[in-house]
Amino acid sequence: MYLVVITKKQKVGDLLGHAVWKALDFDIISYKKTILHLTDNQMQDNKAFLSMINSVLHTDGFYFATDYDLTHTLQRLANTSPEFQEMSLLERADQRFVWNGHLLREFMAQPEVRHIITMKSCCINGKVFEWSIISRRSCFRAGVRYYVRGIDSEGHAANYVETEQIVQFSSAKASFVQTRGSIPFYWSQRPNLKYKPKPQINKTVNHLDGFQRHFDSQIILYGRQVILNLINQKGSEKPLEMAFDKMVTSLGNGMIKYIAFDFHKECSRMRWHRLQILLDMVAEMQDESGYFLVDADGKVLMNQEGTFRSNCMDCLDRTNVIQSLLARRSLQSQLRKMGVLHTGQQIEEQADFEKVYKNAWADNADACAKQYAGTGALKTDFTRTGKRTQWGLLMDGWNSMIRYYKNNFSDGFRQDSIDVFLGNYAVEEADWTTPLRDPKDWKFLTLPIIMVVAFSMCIICLLMAGDTWTETLAYVLFWGTASVVTGGLILFNGRDFVDAPRLVQKEKLD
């Protein structure tokens, strides 16, 4: 057994008068003085498991507060009982967002949450106010981009994030909550060396049961649900859009509204102004749902009665753009009600704050993307500047290449790391064998070696021509064909060559 200790922290800011800290460095301390009693194989496994824990701990995004509950929204905290207030922070925490819950199972200690928190002191019209974004990542069905999609049997969605925008001015406070999460039925998109693996909808399970569980819980927690489905309505994404629409119709729940908006089609050829079409479409729904508002005397003036649940394929890039636009519209109304903005004033006209606002939402996008996909977000040039740029397109291309490499050749380790950290895989010292030592298939080494040798011989034959051009051509064709055929076999058996998780068989949940 080991004890994980935070050895370095940094103050992010004060939220409603409570200090919020970011954990920067950790130490993992063994309860035992020595590990010499372990076999060589167990020592190797122990080293691998420690590396996994370190990998999760040093992925940016662990925050905590010693006297404030970061796992709940302002509205939930305002509607609690005296008994709730007397409970410890760990007991009362929303377990969806307590990432060290498994580590604390035998302790009464501080809950640590995997959030993205931005806190800024801002000024408009000479009036200083505090503005924050808190994105709470769920630890249920947690994982990495291609290995965790859809929902599990309990209705928990992959890459589920609750994002709350908070503003405080002169003791008055307001918040606006949105959610994002994977398309909530059983589907998968396993990496197979192709740039964009084809999504697969599970045809052997009852999707509606998990789908209903998901939305029943969302309605209980947040009220009315407005689904913004931003995926493509053609190509490989089309079946997912059609299935989503069909399931909402089959459910027949008046608390759920479904809106499909083909983000890429509408904004193609740099037509980013067309996002206003979606904003106009949902403006009335946003006004009906409202936001949470408390005056300076502590009186609740408004409650948020519904949320927007946004998704694209990854619930990252397209989703974050839309969430930032919806949040701006809500913030404008809140600042007017608080008296910070004058009637008729627009946030876009406040140059200094607009820059802070855009950069904060772009940073939020980058942090969410790094935790799920392994790189910064795409399309953040639009979030930061309000327009698409050629440099932004180049950076998107670079990030896409990095994502391709990580998703195919390192995400298995990342997924295993998360499963160990959250307790989805229990490490027992008595186990003499672990899945970490499962041997690779013979194709894993043989085919790449053959392809490299064949391609090298092809180049050598081109550089060192034979006595006649027909002889050279014959050699080039032979070795070229060998390398192409081998490469084709590798692609055909792509799943055998990617770095897949070894500890928890996620396909059972897809």
Protein backbone atom coordinates (compact mmCIF):
# COMPACT_ATOMS: atom_id res chain seq x y z
CA MET A 1 0.00 0.00 0.00
CA TYR A 2 1.03 3.59 -0.66
CA LEU A 3 0.06 7.00 0.65
CA VAL A 4 -0.31 9.83 -1.88
CA VAL A 5 0.62 13.22 -0.43
CA ILE A 6 0.36 16.68 -2.02
CA THR A 7 3.79 18.28 -1.61
CA LYS A 8 3.25 21.49 -3.57
CA LYS A 9 0.18 23.63 -4.14
CA GLN A 10 -0.66 26.95 -5.74
CA LYS A 11 -3.48 29.30 -4.85
CA VAL A 12 -5.78 29.82 -7.82
CA GLY A 13 -7.91 32.49 -6.19
CA ASP A 14 -10.80 33.01 -3.80
CA LEU A 15 -14.27 31.70 -4.60
CA LEU A 16 -16.91 33.50 -2.55
CA GLY A 17 -14.26 34.21 0.09
CA HIS A 18 -12.84 30.68 0.18
CA ALA A 19 -9.30 29.87 -0.98
CA VAL A 20 -9.08 27.44 -3.90
CA TRP A 21 -5.83 25.51 -4.41
CA LYS A 22 -4.31 23.64 -7.30
CA ALA A 23 -2.19 20.59 -6.51
CA LEU A 24 1.12 20.85 -8.38
CA ASP A 25 3.30 18.05 -7.06
CA PHE A 26 2.84 14.80 -5.19
CA ASP A 27 4.81 12.19 -3.31
CA ILE A 28 3.91 8.49 -3.20
CA ILE A 29 5.05 6.97 0.08
CA SER A 30 5.16 3.22 0.67
CA TYR A 31 3.73 1.82 3.91
CA LYS A 32 6.39 -0.88 3.82
CA LYS A 33 10.07 -0.19 4.29
CA THR A 34 11.11 -2.58 1.53
CA ILE A 35 9.72 -4.44 -1.48
CA LEU A 36 12.40 -7.14 -1.43
CA HIS A 37 9.76 -9.74 -0.54
CA LEU A 38 8.27 -9.33 -4.05
CA THR A 39 9.30 -11.52 -6.96
CA ASP A 40 11.04 -9.97 -9.97
CA ASN A 41 7.80 -9.99 -11.95
CA GLN A 42 5.91 -8.38 -9.09
CA MET A 43 8.58 -5.68 -8.79
CA GLN A 44 8.20 -4.91 -12.49
CA ASP A 45 4.42 -4.76 -12.14
CA ASN A 46 4.72 -2.59 -9.03
CA LYS A 47 6.94 -0.17 -10.94
CA ALA A 48 4.40 -0.07 -13.79
CA PHE A 49 1.48 0.60 -11.41
CA LEU A 50 3.38 3.42 -9.67
CA SER A 51 4.14 4.90 -13.08
CA MET A 52 0.41 4.82 -13.86
CA ILE A 53 -0.52 6.61 -10.63
CA ASN A 54 2.15 9.24 -11.32
CA SER A 55 0.85 9.67 -14.86
CA VAL A 56 -2.64 10.58 -13.60
CA LEU A 57 -1.37 12.78 -10.78
CA HIS A 58 0.78 14.82 -13.14
CA THR A 59 -1.94 15.34 -15.71
CA ASP A 60 -2.97 18.92 -15.05
CA GLY A 61 -6.27 19.54 -13.26
CA PHE A 62 -6.43 18.57 -9.55
CA TYR A 63 -7.97 21.23 -7.28
CA PHE A 64 -9.19 21.37 -3.69
CA ALA A 65 -10.51 23.77 -1.04
CA THR A 66 -10.28 23.16 2.70
CA ASP A 67 -13.49 25.00 3.65
CA TYR A 68 -15.66 25.01 0.53
CA ASP A 69 -17.42 22.30 -1.50
CA LEU A 70 -16.12 22.54 -5.07
CA THR A 71 -18.18 19.57 -6.27
CA HIS A 72 -21.55 21.34 -6.07
CA THR A 73 -22.95 24.28 -8.01
CA LEU A 74 -24.02 27.46 -6.22
CA GLN A 75 -27.66 26.56 -6.77
CA ARG A 76 -27.30 23.09 -5.24
CA LEU A 77 -25.46 24.53 -2.23
CA ALA A 78 -28.20 27.14 -1.74
CA ASN A 79 -30.87 24.44 -1.57
CA THR A 80 -29.41 22.21 1.15
CA SER A 81 -30.64 21.17 4.59
CA PRO A 82 -28.98 22.03 7.94
CA GLU A 83 -27.98 18.36 8.20
CA PHE A 84 -26.15 18.63 4.89
CA GLN A 85 -24.23 21.68 6.12
CA GLU A 86 -23.03 19.78 9.18
CA MET A 87 -21.55 16.93 7.13
CA SER A 88 -17.85 16.79 6.30
CA LEU A 89 -16.77 17.94 2.84
CA LEU A 90 -16.11 14.34 1.79
CA GLU A 91 -19.49 13.05 2.99
CA ARG A 92 -21.49 15.79 1.30
CA ALA A 93 -19.47 15.92 -1.92
CA ASP A 94 -21.03 15.04 -5.26
CA GLN A 95 -19.35 11.68 -5.81
CA ARG A 96 -19.40 12.15 -9.57
CA PHE A 97 -16.59 14.66 -9.23
CA VAL A 98 -14.45 13.25 -6.37
CA TRP A 99 -11.45 11.81 -8.20
CA ASN A 100 -9.61 10.62 -5.09
CA GLY A 101 -12.67 8.85 -3.67
CA HIS A 102 -11.07 5.41 -4.08
CA LEU A 103 -7.85 6.59 -2.43
CA LEU A 104 -9.83 8.00 0.51
CA ARG A 105 -11.93 4.88 1.12
CA GLU A 106 -10.16 4.23 4.45
CA PHE A 107 -9.63 7.87 5.44
CA MET A 108 -11.63 10.92 6.34
CA ALA A 109 -9.64 13.43 4.34
CA GLN A 110 -9.96 16.24 1.81
CA PRO A 111 -11.83 15.44 -1.43
CA GLU A 112 -9.79 16.29 -4.49
CA VAL A 113 -11.55 17.08 -7.74
CA ARG A 114 -10.37 16.94 -11.33
CA HIS A 115 -11.55 20.31 -12.50
CA ILE A 116 -10.51 23.11 -14.75
CA ILE A 117 -10.80 26.31 -12.71
CA THR A 118 -10.23 29.85 -13.96
CA MET A 119 -10.72 32.77 -11.58
CA LYS A 120 -10.36 36.39 -12.65
CA SER A 121 -10.90 39.79 -11.07
CA CYS A 122 -12.42 41.99 -13.79
CA CYS A 123 -13.58 45.56 -14.23
CA ILE A 124 -16.29 47.06 -16.45
CA ASN A 125 -17.54 50.64 -16.13
CA GLY A 126 -15.27 51.10 -13.12
CA LYS A 127 -17.02 48.27 -11.26
CA VAL A 128 -14.85 45.37 -10.10
CA PHE A 129 -16.37 41.88 -10.06
CA GLU A 130 -15.09 38.32 -9.69
CA TRP A 131 -15.64 35.97 -12.63
CA SER A 132 -14.88 32.24 -12.63
CA ILE A 133 -15.28 29.12 -14.74
CA ILE A 134 -15.36 25.72 -13.04
CA SER A 135 -15.47 22.60 -15.21
CA ARG A 136 -16.08 19.48 -13.13
CA ARG A 137 -15.03 16.23 -14.84
CA SER A 138 -16.94 13.12 -13.81
CA CYS A 139 -14.97 10.12 -12.53
CA PHE A 140 -17.77 7.77 -13.65
CA ARG A 141 -16.99 6.12 -17.03
CA ALA A 142 -13.76 8.08 -17.06
CA GLY A 143 -11.13 7.43 -19.67
CA VAL A 144 -9.47 8.54 -22.87
CA ARG A 145 -10.85 9.53 -26.23
CA TYR A 146 -11.29 6.34 -28.28
CA TYR A 147 -11.44 3.78 -25.48
CA VAL A 148 -14.39 5.27 -23.62
CA ARG A 149 -17.42 6.39 -25.60
CA GLY A 150 -21.17 6.38 -25.03
CA ILE A 151 -22.64 5.32 -21.68
CA ASP A 152 -22.43 2.43 -19.22
CA SER A 153 -25.31 0.36 -17.82
CA GLU A 154 -25.93 2.95 -15.08
CA GLY A 155 -26.38 5.73 -17.63
CA HIS A 156 -23.05 7.47 -16.91
CA ALA A 157 -21.74 9.18 -20.04
CA ALA A 158 -18.10 9.22 -21.12
CA ASN A 159 -16.22 12.52 -20.94
CA TYR A 160 -19.01 14.04 -18.86
CA VAL A 161 -18.22 17.57 -17.66
CA GLU A 162 -20.38 20.01 -15.72
CA THR A 163 -19.28 23.60 -16.41
CA GLU A 164 -20.38 26.42 -14.14
CA GLN A 165 -19.73 30.10 -14.84
CA ILE A 166 -19.85 32.17 -11.65
CA VAL A 167 -19.90 35.95 -11.24
CA GLN A 168 -19.85 37.88 -7.95
CA PHE A 169 -20.34 41.62 -7.53
CA SER A 170 -20.87 43.49 -4.28
CA SER A 171 -22.14 40.39 -2.37
CA ALA A 172 -24.55 39.50 -5.20
CA LYS A 173 -23.72 36.31 -7.07
CA ALA A 174 -24.92 34.41 -10.11
CA SER A 175 -24.10 31.19 -11.91
CA PHE A 176 -24.89 29.51 -15.22
CA VAL A 177 -24.47 25.74 -15.59
CA GLN A 178 -24.01 23.68 -18.75
CA THR A 179 -23.11 20.04 -19.28
CA ARG A 180 -21.35 18.01 -21.94
CA GLY A 181 -21.08 14.27 -22.39
CA SER A 182 -20.69 11.55 -24.97
CA ILE A 183 -23.72 10.60 -27.07
CA PRO A 184 -25.70 8.64 -24.43
CA PHE A 185 -26.21 5.19 -25.86
CA TYR A 186 -23.98 2.16 -26.44
CA TRP A 187 -21.44 2.85 -29.16
CA SER A 188 -17.69 2.58 -29.60
CA GLN A 189 -14.91 3.90 -31.82
CA ARG A 190 -11.86 1.74 -31.23
CA PRO A 191 -8.50 2.94 -32.62
CA ASN A 192 -7.26 0.80 -35.50
CA LEU A 193 -4.45 2.92 -37.08
CA LYS A 194 -6.93 4.72 -39.33
CA TYR A 195 -7.05 8.49 -38.94
CA LYS A 196 -10.74 8.45 -38.03
CA PRO A 197 -12.06 5.02 -36.98
CA LYS A 198 -15.65 4.31 -37.95
CA PRO A 199 -18.08 4.55 -35.01
CA GLN A 200 -19.93 1.32 -34.21
CA ILE A 201 -23.37 1.24 -32.60
CA ASN A 202 -23.92 -1.85 -30.46
CA LYS A 203 -26.73 -3.91 -32.03
CA THR A 204 -27.16 -6.48 -29.26
CA VAL A 205 -28.30 -4.34 -26.32
CA ASN A 206 -31.36 -2.33 -25.36
CA HIS A 207 -30.16 1.25 -25.78
CA LEU A 208 -33.29 2.85 -24.38
CA ASP A 209 -32.76 1.56 -20.81
CA GLY A 210 -29.36 3.24 -20.38
CA PHE A 211 -30.52 6.26 -22.37
CA GLN A 212 -33.49 6.75 -20.03
CA ARG A 213 -31.35 6.28 -16.91
CA HIS A 214 -28.99 8.98 -18.16
CA PHE A 215 -31.68 11.56 -18.81
CA ASP A 216 -33.72 10.70 -15.72
CA SER A 217 -30.67 11.57 -13.61
CA GLN A 218 -29.99 14.72 -15.63
CA ILE A 219 -33.57 15.95 -15.21
CA ILE A 220 -33.47 15.28 -11.45
CA LEU A 221 -30.18 17.18 -11.14
CA TYR A 222 -30.71 20.03 -13.59
CA GLY A 223 -34.32 20.20 -14.76
CA ARG A 224 -35.24 20.59 -18.44
CA GLN A 225 -32.70 19.30 -20.93
CA VAL A 226 -31.89 20.98 -24.23
CA ILE A 227 -29.67 18.65 -26.25
CA LEU A 228 -27.36 20.35 -28.73
CA ASN A 229 -25.99 17.64 -31.00
CA LEU A 230 -23.18 19.20 -33.06
CA ILE A 231 -21.96 16.17 -35.01
CA ASN A 232 -21.95 15.84 -38.81
CA GLN A 233 -25.22 14.81 -40.41
CA LYS A 234 -23.49 12.89 -43.17
CA GLY A 235 -20.70 10.34 -43.46
CA SER A 236 -19.67 8.09 -40.57
CA GLU A 237 -21.28 10.35 -37.95
CA LYS A 238 -24.74 10.32 -39.56
CA PRO A 239 -25.92 6.98 -38.02
CA LEU A 240 -25.15 8.37 -34.54
CA GLU A 241 -27.20 11.51 -35.21
CA MET A 242 -30.12 9.49 -36.55
CA ALA A 243 -30.03 7.08 -33.59
CA PHE A 244 -29.88 9.96 -31.08
CA ASP A 245 -32.88 11.68 -32.69
CA LYS A 246 -34.83 8.41 -32.79
CA MET A 247 -34.18 7.66 -29.13
CA VAL A 248 -35.28 11.10 -27.95
CA THR A 249 -38.48 10.64 -29.97
CA SER A 250 -39.01 7.13 -28.56
CA LEU A 251 -38.53 8.37 -25.00
CA GLY A 252 -41.29 10.94 -25.49
CA ASN A 253 -40.24 13.01 -22.48
CA GLY A 254 -41.53 16.59 -22.61
CA MET A 255 -38.58 17.70 -20.44
CA ILE A 256 -36.14 16.91 -23.25
CA LYS A 257 -35.68 19.02 -26.38
CA TYR A 258 -33.40 17.79 -29.16
CA ILE A 259 -31.63 20.12 -31.60
CA ALA A 260 -29.23 18.83 -34.28
CA PHE A 261 -26.82 21.40 -35.69
CA ASP A 262 -24.21 20.27 -38.23
CA PHE A 263 -21.36 22.45 -36.96
CA HIS A 264 -18.87 21.61 -39.71
CA LYS A 265 -21.37 22.07 -42.54
CA GLU A 266 -22.73 25.36 -41.21
CA CYS A 267 -19.29 26.83 -40.49
CA SER A 268 -17.47 25.45 -43.54
CA ARG A 269 -15.29 27.81 -45.58
CA MET A 270 -14.67 29.99 -42.49
CA ARG A 271 -18.34 31.01 -42.14
CA TRP A 272 -18.17 31.23 -38.37
CA HIS A 273 -20.81 33.94 -38.24
CA ARG A 274 -23.36 31.19 -38.92
CA LEU A 275 -23.09 30.05 -35.31
CA GLN A 276 -25.52 32.88 -34.66
CA ILE A 277 -28.17 30.69 -36.33
CA LEU A 278 -27.94 28.22 -33.46
CA LEU A 279 -27.85 30.95 -30.81
CA ASP A 280 -31.00 32.54 -32.25
CA MET A 281 -32.64 29.10 -32.40
CA VAL A 282 -32.11 28.44 -28.68
CA ALA A 283 -32.41 32.00 -27.33
CA GLU A 284 -35.98 31.55 -26.10
CA MET A 285 -35.11 28.21 -24.46
CA GLN A 286 -32.13 29.80 -22.72
CA ASP A 287 -34.33 32.60 -21.39
CA GLU A 288 -36.86 30.04 -20.11
CA SER A 289 -34.17 28.01 -18.32
CA GLY A 290 -32.61 31.15 -16.86
CA TYR A 291 -29.73 31.13 -14.40
CA PHE A 292 -29.13 31.22 -10.65
CA LEU A 293 -29.12 34.72 -9.14
CA VAL A 294 -28.80 35.86 -5.51
CA ASP A 295 -28.94 39.52 -4.46
CA ALA A 296 -26.62 41.26 -2.01
CA ASP A 297 -28.92 40.38 0.90
CA GLY A 298 -28.74 36.66 0.12
CA LYS A 299 -32.24 36.47 -1.36
CA VAL A 300 -32.60 34.05 -4.28
CA LEU A 301 -34.07 36.02 -7.19
CA MET A 302 -33.83 33.34 -9.89
CA ASN A 303 -33.17 29.62 -10.20
CA GLN A 304 -31.83 27.87 -13.26
CA GLU A 305 -34.53 25.43 -14.33
CA GLY A 306 -32.76 23.59 -17.12
CA THR A 307 -29.42 23.09 -18.82
CA PHE A 308 -27.97 22.80 -22.29
CA ARG A 309 -26.39 19.39 -22.81
CA SER A 310 -23.94 19.83 -25.68
CA ASN A 311 -22.02 17.15 -27.52
CA CYS A 312 -19.96 16.53 -30.61
CA MET A 313 -17.99 13.32 -31.18
CA ASP A 314 -15.36 14.03 -28.51
CA CYS A 315 -17.37 16.69 -26.62
CA LEU A 316 -14.31 18.93 -26.89
CA ASP A 317 -13.68 21.36 -29.74
CA ARG A 318 -17.09 22.08 -31.27
CA THR A 319 -18.76 21.72 -27.88
CA ASN A 320 -16.51 24.28 -26.19
CA VAL A 321 -17.11 26.89 -28.91
CA ILE A 322 -20.88 26.65 -28.42
CA GLN A 323 -20.67 26.60 -24.63
CA SER A 324 -18.58 29.78 -24.61
CA LEU A 325 -21.17 31.58 -26.75
CA LEU A 326 -24.09 30.47 -24.57
CA ALA A 327 -22.19 31.45 -21.43
CA ARG A 328 -21.48 34.92 -22.82
CA ARG A 329 -25.18 35.51 -23.49
CA SER A 330 -26.04 34.45 -19.93
CA LEU A 331 -23.24 36.56 -18.44
CA GLN A 332 -24.44 39.65 -20.28
CA SER A 333 -27.89 39.31 -18.70
CA GLN A 334 -26.39 38.66 -15.25
CA LEU A 335 -24.09 41.70 -15.38
CA ARG A 336 -26.99 43.92 -16.44
CA LYS A 337 -29.14 42.65 -13.56
CA MET A 338 -26.26 43.32 -11.14
CA GLY A 339 -25.77 46.82 -12.47
CA VAL A 340 -22.30 46.27 -13.90
CA LEU A 341 -23.39 46.67 -17.52
CA HIS A 342 -25.66 49.53 -18.53
CA THR A 343 -28.81 48.88 -20.53
CA GLY A 344 -27.87 48.33 -24.16
CA GLN A 345 -24.19 47.68 -23.44
CA GLN A 346 -22.70 44.53 -24.95
CA ILE A 347 -19.91 42.39 -23.50
CA GLU A 348 -18.26 42.37 -26.94
CA GLU A 349 -17.77 46.15 -26.62
CA GLN A 350 -15.71 45.77 -23.42
CA ALA A 351 -12.35 45.11 -25.07
CA ASP A 352 -10.32 44.30 -21.94
CA PHE A 353 -12.89 41.93 -20.46
CA GLU A 354 -13.65 40.35 -23.83
CA LYS A 355 -9.98 39.38 -24.15
CA VAL A 356 -9.97 37.85 -20.65
CA TYR A 357 -13.25 36.04 -21.39
CA LYS A 358 -12.12 34.50 -24.68
CA ASN A 359 -8.74 33.38 -23.35
CA ALA A 360 -10.31 31.81 -20.26
CA TRP A 361 -12.74 29.76 -22.34
CA ALA A 362 -9.95 28.74 -24.72
CA ASP A 363 -7.84 27.63 -21.72
CA ASN A 364 -10.86 25.66 -20.49
CA ALA A 365 -11.05 23.95 -23.88
CA ASP A 366 -7.34 23.11 -23.86
CA ALA A 367 -7.48 21.62 -20.35
CA CYS A 368 -10.54 19.47 -21.12
CA ALA A 369 -8.94 18.26 -24.35
CA LYS A 370 -5.58 17.38 -22.75
CA GLN A 371 -7.30 15.22 -20.14
CA TYR A 372 -9.40 13.31 -22.69
CA ALA A 373 -7.64 13.45 -26.07
CA GLY A 374 -4.03 14.09 -25.00
CA THR A 375 -3.56 17.46 -26.75
CA GLY A 376 -4.88 21.00 -26.58
CA ALA A 377 -8.26 21.71 -28.15
CA LEU A 378 -8.89 22.49 -31.80
CA LYS A 379 -10.59 25.69 -32.99
CA THR A 380 -9.31 27.69 -29.98
CA ASP A 381 -8.20 30.49 -32.31
CA PHE A 382 -11.91 31.24 -32.80
CA THR A 383 -12.55 31.11 -29.06
CA ARG A 384 -9.58 33.41 -28.35
CA THR A 385 -10.04 35.93 -31.16
CA GLY A 386 -13.61 35.52 -32.42
CA LYS A 387 -12.41 34.52 -35.87
CA ARG A 388 -10.75 31.60 -37.64
CA THR A 389 -7.12 32.13 -38.72
CA GLN A 390 -4.67 30.36 -41.01
CA TRP A 391 -2.30 29.92 -38.06
CA GLY A 392 -5.16 28.34 -36.12
CA LEU A 393 -5.74 25.88 -38.96
CA LEU A 394 -2.03 24.95 -38.91
CA MET A 395 -2.10 24.43 -35.14
CA ASP A 396 -5.22 22.28 -35.50
CA GLY A 397 -3.35 20.14 -38.03
CA TRP A 398 -0.40 19.76 -35.65
CA ASN A 399 -2.64 18.86 -32.70
CA SER A 400 -4.53 16.38 -34.88
CA MET A 401 -1.27 14.59 -35.74
CA ILE A 402 -0.27 14.45 -32.06
CA ARG A 403 -3.73 13.10 -31.20
CA TYR A 404 -3.39 10.42 -33.86
CA TYR A 405 -0.09 9.23 -32.40
CA LYS A 406 -1.28 9.27 -28.78
CA ASN A 407 -4.67 7.71 -29.52
CA ASN A 408 -3.02 4.80 -31.34
CA PHE A 409 0.26 4.29 -29.48
CA SER A 410 -0.02 5.55 -25.89
CA ASP A 411 -3.70 5.76 -24.86
CA GLY A 412 -3.84 2.16 -23.66
CA PHE A 413 -1.41 3.07 -20.89
CA ARG A 414 -3.36 6.26 -20.11
CA GLN A 415 -6.60 4.30 -19.86
CA ASP A 416 -5.02 1.72 -17.57
CA SER A 417 -3.62 4.55 -15.43
CA ILE A 418 -7.07 6.06 -14.93
CA ASP A 419 -8.59 2.66 -14.13
CA VAL A 420 -5.93 1.98 -11.47
CA PHE A 421 -6.26 5.45 -9.96
CA LEU A 422 -10.06 5.24 -9.71
CA GLY A 423 -10.04 1.69 -8.37
CA ASN A 424 -11.69 0.17 -11.44
CA TYR A 425 -8.80 -2.30 -11.34
CA ALA A 426 -7.78 -3.55 -7.90
CA VAL A 427 -4.09 -4.33 -7.43
CA GLU A 428 -3.58 -7.24 -5.04
CA GLU A 429 -0.12 -8.17 -3.76
CA ALA A 430 -1.18 -11.82 -3.66
CA ASP A 431 -1.68 -11.88 -7.42
CA TRP A 432 1.23 -13.66 -9.07
CA THR A 433 0.17 -12.71 -12.55
CA THR A 434 -1.36 -9.53 -13.94
CA PRO A 435 -2.67 -8.64 -17.40
CA LEU A 436 0.39 -6.39 -17.84
CA ARG A 437 2.44 -9.42 -18.85
CA ASP A 438 0.06 -10.75 -21.50
CA PRO A 439 2.24 -11.52 -24.53
CA LYS A 440 1.77 -9.62 -27.79
CA ASP A 441 0.52 -11.42 -30.89
CA TRP A 442 3.23 -12.60 -33.30
CA LYS A 443 2.04 -10.08 -35.90
CA PHE A 444 2.96 -7.20 -33.60
CA LEU A 445 6.71 -7.49 -34.30
CA THR A 446 6.89 -9.64 -37.43
CA LEU A 447 4.89 -7.55 -39.90
CA PRO A 448 6.47 -4.16 -39.05
CA ILE A 449 9.97 -5.69 -39.37
CA ILE A 450 9.10 -7.18 -42.76
CA MET A 451 7.63 -3.86 -43.94
CA VAL A 452 10.70 -1.86 -42.85
CA VAL A 453 13.10 -4.34 -44.46
CA ALA A 454 11.09 -4.42 -47.71
CA PHE A 455 10.85 -0.64 -47.89
CA SER A 456 14.58 -0.28 -47.15
CA MET A 457 15.45 -2.77 -49.90
CA CYS A 458 13.22 -0.87 -52.31
CA ILE A 459 15.14 2.37 -51.61
CA ILE A 460 18.50 0.57 -51.86
CA CYS A 461 17.52 -0.88 -55.24
CA LEU A 462 16.63 2.60 -56.48
CA LEU A 463 19.92 4.08 -55.27
CA MET A 464 22.11 1.17 -56.39
CA ALA A 465 20.81 0.38 -59.85
CA GLY A 466 21.46 -3.04 -61.40
CA ASP A 467 23.22 -3.79 -64.70
CA THR A 468 20.02 -3.17 -66.68
CA TRP A 469 16.94 -1.07 -66.05
CA THR A 470 14.72 -4.17 -66.27
CA GLU A 471 16.67 -5.82 -63.47
CA THR A 472 16.38 -2.68 -61.30
CA LEU A 473 12.65 -2.37 -62.06
CA ALA A 474 12.07 -6.03 -61.13
CA TYR A 475 13.80 -5.59 -57.76
CA VAL A 476 11.96 -2.32 -57.04
CA LEU A 477 8.60 -3.84 -57.96
CA PHE A 478 9.25 -6.92 -55.82
CA TRP A 479 10.33 -5.07 -52.69
CA GLY A 480 7.82 -2.24 -53.26
CA THR A 481 5.00 -4.77 -53.55
CA ALA A 482 6.23 -6.57 -50.44
CA SER A 483 6.20 -3.33 -48.40
CA VAL A 484 2.76 -2.28 -49.71
CA VAL A 485 1.21 -5.70 -49.05
CA THR A 486 2.72 -5.82 -45.56
CA GLY A 487 1.52 -2.28 -44.86
CA GLY A 488 -1.94 -3.32 -46.02
CA LEU A 489 -1.90 -6.31 -43.67
CA ILE A 490 -0.90 -4.03 -40.79
CA LEU A 491 -3.80 -1.68 -41.51
CA PHE A 492 -6.20 -4.60 -41.93
CA ASN A 493 -5.14 -5.90 -38.50
CA GLY A 494 -4.88 -2.38 -37.08
CA ARG A 495 -6.30 -3.24 -33.64
CA ASP A 496 -3.42 -5.64 -33.04
CA PHE A 497 -0.90 -2.82 -33.41
CA VAL A 498 -2.41 -0.08 -31.26
CA ASP A 499 -1.64 0.39 -27.58
CA ALA A 500 -4.79 -1.09 -26.03
CA PRO A 501 -5.75 -1.12 -22.33
CA ARG A 502 -4.75 -4.33 -20.54
CA LEU A 503 -6.35 -4.04 -17.13
CA VAL A 504 -10.07 -3.43 -17.67
CA GLN A 505 -11.85 -4.79 -20.72
CA LYS A 506 -13.83 -1.70 -21.68
CA GLU A 507 -15.48 -3.39 -24.66
CA LYS A 508 -17.77 -5.12 -22.15
CA LEU A 509 -19.25 -1.71 -21.36
CA ASP A 510 -19.59 -0.40 -24.91
